[in-house]
Amino acid sequence: MKITEPAATAILNEMSKAGLDIKRYAVSFEFVNNGVGFSFRDDKFGKEYNFHGLRVCVDGRINTDDMIVDFTEVNGKVGLIFTGEEK
């Protein structure tokens, strides 16, 4: 898994706007209703990563080996994009 600096910065900015303490809360990727959920949690579980000051917790059942999270513009829309590494 890799989260680019622009993506981490965008997420940290949104967390700050929402009043979430970045030392207490982490981004969470976890299974929810047979899909992958993206949220903010204040408890630890799974594998923990740190990308440019952003804490990320990943449910052990999710394979993020080739996952890249970036913040970019696509077709005039700006936001997070989830892609895989090209081999």
N, C-alpha and C. Protein backbone atom coordinates (compact mmCIF):
# COMPACT_ATOMS: atom_id res chain seq x y z
N MET A 1 0.85 -1.17 0.00
CA MET A 1 0.00 0.00 0.00
C MET A 1 0.89 1.23 0.00
N LYS A 2 0.44 2.23 -0.75
CA LYS A 2 1.15 3.51 -0.78
C LYS A 2 0.10 4.62 -0.85
N ILE A 3 0.26 5.63 -0.03
CA ILE A 3 -0.60 6.82 -0.09
C ILE A 3 0.33 7.98 -0.42
N THR A 4 0.02 8.68 -1.51
CA THR A 4 0.88 9.77 -1.94
C THR A 4 0.80 10.94 -0.96
N GLU A 5 1.81 11.79 -1.01
CA GLU A 5 1.82 12.95 -0.12
C GLU A 5 0.61 13.86 -0.36
N PRO A 6 0.22 14.14 -1.63
CA PRO A 6 -0.99 14.97 -1.83
C PRO A 6 -2.25 14.33 -1.23
N ALA A 7 -2.37 13.01 -1.33
CA ALA A 7 -3.54 12.33 -0.76
C ALA A 7 -3.53 12.41 0.76
N ALA A 8 -2.38 12.12 1.36
CA ALA A 8 -2.27 12.18 2.83
C ALA A 8 -2.56 13.60 3.32
N THR A 9 -2.03 14.60 2.63
CA THR A 9 -2.26 15.99 3.03
C THR A 9 -3.74 16.35 2.93
N ALA A 10 -4.40 15.93 1.85
CA ALA A 10 -5.84 16.21 1.69
C ALA A 10 -6.66 15.55 2.79
N ILE A 11 -6.34 14.31 3.13
CA ILE A 11 -7.06 13.61 4.19
C ILE A 11 -6.81 14.27 5.54
N LEU A 12 -5.55 14.60 5.83
CA LEU A 12 -5.23 15.28 7.10
C LEU A 12 -5.94 16.62 7.21
N ASN A 13 -6.04 17.36 6.10
CA ASN A 13 -6.77 18.64 6.10
C ASN A 13 -8.24 18.44 6.42
N GLU A 14 -8.86 17.42 5.83
CA GLU A 14 -10.28 17.14 6.10
C GLU A 14 -10.48 16.68 7.54
N MET A 15 -9.55 15.90 8.06
CA MET A 15 -9.64 15.48 9.46
C MET A 15 -9.58 16.69 10.37
N SER A 16 -8.68 17.61 10.07
CA SER A 16 -8.54 18.83 10.87
C SER A 16 -9.82 19.66 10.83
N LYS A 17 -10.39 19.82 9.63
CA LYS A 17 -11.65 20.57 9.50
C LYS A 17 -12.77 19.95 10.32
N ALA A 18 -12.76 18.61 10.42
CA ALA A 18 -13.80 17.89 11.17
C ALA A 18 -13.49 17.82 12.66
N GLY A 19 -12.34 18.37 13.07
CA GLY A 19 -11.99 18.36 14.49
C GLY A 19 -11.45 17.04 15.00
N LEU A 20 -10.94 16.19 14.10
CA LEU A 20 -10.39 14.90 14.51
C LEU A 20 -8.91 15.05 14.82
N ASP A 21 -8.51 14.67 16.02
CA ASP A 21 -7.12 14.72 16.45
C ASP A 21 -6.34 13.64 15.71
N ILE A 22 -5.34 14.02 14.90
CA ILE A 22 -4.62 13.05 14.08
C ILE A 22 -3.77 12.10 14.91
N LYS A 23 -3.51 12.43 16.16
CA LYS A 23 -2.78 11.51 17.03
C LYS A 23 -3.71 10.45 17.61
N ARG A 24 -4.98 10.75 17.67
CA ARG A 24 -5.96 9.82 18.23
C ARG A 24 -6.68 9.00 17.15
N TYR A 25 -6.99 9.64 16.02
CA TYR A 25 -7.77 8.99 14.96
C TYR A 25 -6.88 8.54 13.81
N ALA A 26 -7.26 7.44 13.18
CA ALA A 26 -6.55 6.91 12.02
C ALA A 26 -7.56 6.65 10.91
N VAL A 27 -7.07 6.67 9.69
CA VAL A 27 -7.90 6.24 8.56
C VAL A 27 -8.04 4.73 8.68
N SER A 28 -9.22 4.22 8.38
CA SER A 28 -9.50 2.80 8.54
C SER A 28 -10.00 2.22 7.22
N PHE A 29 -9.38 1.13 6.78
CA PHE A 29 -9.89 0.32 5.67
C PHE A 29 -10.32 -0.99 6.31
N GLU A 30 -11.62 -1.31 6.22
CA GLU A 30 -12.11 -2.53 6.85
C GLU A 30 -13.28 -3.10 6.07
N PHE A 31 -13.57 -4.39 6.31
CA PHE A 31 -14.72 -5.01 5.66
C PHE A 31 -15.99 -4.52 6.31
N VAL A 32 -16.95 -4.07 5.50
CA VAL A 32 -18.25 -3.63 5.97
C VAL A 32 -19.29 -4.16 4.98
N ASN A 33 -20.21 -4.99 5.45
CA ASN A 33 -21.26 -5.55 4.59
C ASN A 33 -20.71 -6.11 3.29
N ASN A 34 -19.69 -6.95 3.38
CA ASN A 34 -19.06 -7.63 2.24
C ASN A 34 -18.35 -6.69 1.27
N GLY A 35 -18.05 -5.48 1.68
CA GLY A 35 -17.29 -4.54 0.87
C GLY A 35 -16.22 -3.88 1.73
N VAL A 36 -15.43 -3.04 1.12
CA VAL A 36 -14.38 -2.34 1.84
C VAL A 36 -14.88 -0.96 2.25
N GLY A 37 -14.78 -0.65 3.53
CA GLY A 37 -15.19 0.65 4.05
C GLY A 37 -13.98 1.53 4.32
N PHE A 38 -14.17 2.82 4.20
CA PHE A 38 -13.13 3.83 4.45
C PHE A 38 -13.72 4.77 5.48
N SER A 39 -13.08 4.85 6.67
CA SER A 39 -13.62 5.71 7.72
C SER A 39 -12.48 6.17 8.62
N PHE A 40 -12.84 6.82 9.72
CA PHE A 40 -11.87 7.27 10.71
C PHE A 40 -12.22 6.60 12.03
N ARG A 41 -11.21 6.01 12.69
CA ARG A 41 -11.44 5.30 13.94
C ARG A 41 -10.43 5.75 14.98
N ASP A 42 -10.84 5.62 16.24
CA ASP A 42 -9.93 5.98 17.32
C ASP A 42 -9.43 4.75 18.09
N ASP A 43 -9.58 3.57 17.50
CA ASP A 43 -9.02 2.37 18.11
C ASP A 43 -8.15 1.66 17.08
N LYS A 44 -7.18 0.89 17.59
CA LYS A 44 -6.24 0.19 16.71
C LYS A 44 -6.76 -1.20 16.38
N PHE A 45 -6.51 -1.63 15.17
CA PHE A 45 -6.81 -2.99 14.75
C PHE A 45 -6.00 -3.25 13.49
N GLY A 46 -5.82 -4.48 13.13
CA GLY A 46 -5.14 -4.82 11.89
C GLY A 46 -3.72 -4.27 11.82
N LYS A 47 -3.25 -4.08 10.61
CA LYS A 47 -1.90 -3.58 10.37
C LYS A 47 -1.94 -2.06 10.31
N GLU A 48 -0.98 -1.42 10.97
CA GLU A 48 -0.95 0.05 10.98
C GLU A 48 0.22 0.55 10.14
N TYR A 49 -0.05 1.55 9.31
CA TYR A 49 0.94 2.20 8.46
C TYR A 49 0.99 3.69 8.82
N ASN A 50 2.05 4.35 8.37
CA ASN A 50 2.13 5.81 8.51
C ASN A 50 2.61 6.36 7.17
N PHE A 51 1.81 7.24 6.58
CA PHE A 51 2.13 7.87 5.31
C PHE A 51 2.12 9.37 5.49
N HIS A 52 3.28 9.99 5.48
CA HIS A 52 3.39 11.45 5.53
C HIS A 52 2.64 12.03 6.73
N GLY A 53 2.69 11.34 7.88
CA GLY A 53 2.02 11.80 9.09
C GLY A 53 0.59 11.31 9.25
N LEU A 54 0.07 10.58 8.28
CA LEU A 54 -1.29 10.02 8.33
C LEU A 54 -1.22 8.57 8.78
N ARG A 55 -1.88 8.27 9.91
CA ARG A 55 -1.97 6.89 10.39
C ARG A 55 -3.08 6.17 9.64
N VAL A 56 -2.78 4.95 9.18
CA VAL A 56 -3.74 4.15 8.43
C VAL A 56 -3.78 2.75 9.02
N CYS A 57 -4.97 2.27 9.38
CA CYS A 57 -5.16 0.92 9.89
C CYS A 57 -5.90 0.11 8.84
N VAL A 58 -5.40 -1.10 8.56
CA VAL A 58 -5.99 -1.94 7.51
C VAL A 58 -6.39 -3.29 8.10
N ASP A 59 -7.64 -3.65 7.89
CA ASP A 59 -8.16 -4.95 8.28
C ASP A 59 -7.28 -6.03 7.63
N GLY A 60 -6.87 -7.02 8.40
CA GLY A 60 -5.99 -8.07 7.90
C GLY A 60 -6.57 -8.88 6.76
N ARG A 61 -7.87 -8.82 6.54
CA ARG A 61 -8.50 -9.57 5.46
C ARG A 61 -8.44 -8.84 4.12
N ILE A 62 -7.93 -7.61 4.13
CA ILE A 62 -7.88 -6.81 2.90
C ILE A 62 -6.45 -6.82 2.37
N ASN A 63 -6.30 -7.19 1.11
CA ASN A 63 -4.99 -7.21 0.46
C ASN A 63 -4.74 -5.84 -0.16
N THR A 64 -3.79 -5.11 0.41
CA THR A 64 -3.46 -3.77 -0.09
C THR A 64 -2.06 -3.73 -0.70
N ASP A 65 -1.50 -4.90 -1.01
CA ASP A 65 -0.12 -4.96 -1.48
C ASP A 65 0.18 -4.00 -2.63
N ASP A 66 -0.69 -3.91 -3.62
CA ASP A 66 -0.43 -3.08 -4.80
C ASP A 66 -1.30 -1.82 -4.83
N MET A 67 -1.96 -1.49 -3.73
CA MET A 67 -2.88 -0.35 -3.70
C MET A 67 -2.12 0.97 -3.61
N ILE A 68 -2.56 1.93 -4.42
CA ILE A 68 -2.05 3.30 -4.35
C ILE A 68 -3.25 4.23 -4.18
N VAL A 69 -3.17 5.12 -3.21
CA VAL A 69 -4.21 6.14 -3.00
C VAL A 69 -3.56 7.48 -3.36
N ASP A 70 -4.19 8.19 -4.29
CA ASP A 70 -3.65 9.47 -4.75
C ASP A 70 -4.76 10.51 -4.70
N PHE A 71 -4.38 11.77 -4.72
CA PHE A 71 -5.31 12.90 -4.76
C PHE A 71 -5.05 13.61 -6.08
N THR A 72 -6.01 13.59 -6.97
CA THR A 72 -5.78 14.11 -8.31
C THR A 72 -7.08 14.56 -8.96
N GLU A 73 -6.97 15.07 -10.17
CA GLU A 73 -8.15 15.47 -10.95
C GLU A 73 -8.35 14.47 -12.08
N VAL A 74 -9.59 14.00 -12.22
CA VAL A 74 -9.97 13.10 -13.30
C VAL A 74 -11.27 13.60 -13.88
N ASN A 75 -11.27 13.87 -15.16
CA ASN A 75 -12.48 14.35 -15.85
C ASN A 75 -13.11 15.55 -15.16
N GLY A 76 -12.29 16.48 -14.69
CA GLY A 76 -12.78 17.70 -14.06
C GLY A 76 -13.19 17.57 -12.61
N LYS A 77 -13.06 16.38 -12.03
CA LYS A 77 -13.41 16.15 -10.63
C LYS A 77 -12.14 15.91 -9.84
N VAL A 78 -12.04 16.55 -8.67
CA VAL A 78 -10.85 16.43 -7.82
C VAL A 78 -11.20 15.60 -6.60
N GLY A 79 -10.33 14.64 -6.28
CA GLY A 79 -10.57 13.82 -5.11
C GLY A 79 -9.60 12.67 -5.01
N LEU A 80 -9.88 11.76 -4.09
CA LEU A 80 -9.04 10.59 -3.91
C LEU A 80 -9.32 9.58 -5.02
N ILE A 81 -8.27 8.93 -5.48
CA ILE A 81 -8.42 7.87 -6.47
C ILE A 81 -7.64 6.66 -5.95
N PHE A 82 -8.23 5.49 -6.07
CA PHE A 82 -7.63 4.24 -5.63
C PHE A 82 -7.24 3.46 -6.87
N THR A 83 -5.95 3.15 -7.01
CA THR A 83 -5.46 2.43 -8.17
C THR A 83 -4.56 1.30 -7.71
N GLY A 84 -4.11 0.51 -8.67
CA GLY A 84 -3.15 -0.55 -8.39
C GLY A 84 -1.84 -0.23 -9.08
N GLU A 85 -0.76 -0.75 -8.50
CA GLU A 85 0.55 -0.55 -9.11
C GLU A 85 0.64 -1.36 -10.39
N GLU A 86 1.22 -0.74 -11.42
CA GLU A 86 1.46 -1.46 -12.65
C GLU A 86 2.75 -2.25 -12.50
N LYS A 87 2.73 -3.47 -12.97
CA LYS A 87 3.90 -4.34 -12.83
C LYS A 87 4.62 -4.45 -14.15
